């Protein structure tokens, strides 16, 4: 008995046409001098002005880039 050769199945490659959005992280000093302040930035700035506050920055919506 011989084994029959099956057809090799072709897999379709799915292409993702969606662009990924990337934001830069900014610190409170950047938010303080921003020409177009946003609500999220102002809230972060107020939080960072309290004594003992530790922050790592927030994503700025004005620095949106597509990758």
Protein backbone atom coordinates (compact mmCIF):
# COMPACT_ATOMS: atom_id res chain seq x y z
CA UNK A 1 0.00 0.00 0.00
CA UNK A 2 1.30 3.38 -0.92
CA UNK A 3 0.36 6.56 0.82
CA UNK A 4 -1.32 9.18 -1.31
CA UNK A 5 0.16 12.61 -1.47
CA UNK A 6 -2.23 15.26 -0.31
CA UNK A 7 -2.37 18.75 -1.71
CA UNK A 8 -0.38 21.27 0.21
CA UNK A 9 -2.76 23.84 1.63
CA UNK A 10 -1.90 27.46 1.09
CA UNK A 11 -2.39 29.71 4.06
CA UNK A 12 -3.62 33.21 3.42
CA UNK A 13 -1.55 35.89 5.02
CA UNK A 14 -3.76 38.33 6.82
CA UNK A 15 -2.55 41.86 6.37
CA UNK A 16 -3.32 44.37 9.04
CA UNK A 17 -3.99 47.72 7.39
CA UNK A 18 -4.61 49.48 10.68
CA UNK A 19 -1.91 51.90 11.71
CA UNK A 20 -0.72 51.79 15.28
CA UNK A 21 -0.91 55.05 17.23
CA UNK A 22 2.05 56.12 19.34
CA UNK A 23 2.18 58.94 21.90
CA UNK A 24 5.21 60.53 23.53
CA UNK A 25 5.36 60.56 27.33
CA UNK A 26 5.63 64.08 28.70
CA UNK A 27 6.35 65.30 32.19
CA UNK A 28 4.61 68.05 34.15
CA UNK A 29 7.11 70.73 33.09
CA UNK A 30 6.12 70.14 29.46
CA UNK A 31 2.44 70.46 30.37
CA UNK A 32 3.16 73.71 32.21
CA UNK A 33 4.49 75.46 29.07
CA UNK A 34 2.09 73.83 26.58
CA UNK A 35 0.44 76.26 24.14
CA UNK A 36 -2.74 74.14 23.90
CA UNK A 37 -3.35 72.68 27.37
CA UNK A 38 -5.66 69.68 27.68
CA UNK A 39 -7.73 68.61 30.68
CA UNK A 40 -5.65 65.48 31.27
CA UNK A 41 -2.40 67.47 31.24
CA UNK A 42 -3.71 70.11 33.60
CA UNK A 43 -4.93 67.47 36.05
CA UNK A 44 -1.50 65.79 35.93
CA UNK A 45 0.23 69.16 36.43
CA UNK A 46 -1.90 69.92 39.49
CA UNK A 47 -1.17 66.46 40.93
CA UNK A 48 2.58 66.87 40.44
CA UNK A 49 2.69 70.27 42.17
CA UNK A 50 1.77 68.71 45.50
CA UNK A 51 4.71 68.01 47.84
CA UNK A 52 6.06 64.46 47.58
CA UNK A 53 4.35 63.65 44.29
CA UNK A 54 6.05 61.09 42.07
CA UNK A 55 5.12 60.84 38.43
CA UNK A 56 6.38 59.05 35.35
CA UNK A 57 4.65 61.24 32.79
CA UNK A 58 1.49 60.95 30.72
CA UNK A 59 0.92 60.26 27.03
CA UNK A 60 0.42 63.59 25.27
CA UNK A 61 -2.38 63.62 22.69
CA UNK A 62 -0.65 66.43 20.80
CA UNK A 63 2.32 64.18 19.97
CA UNK A 64 0.28 61.49 18.21
CA UNK A 65 2.19 59.65 15.48
CA UNK A 66 1.21 56.67 13.36
CA UNK A 67 3.63 53.77 13.09
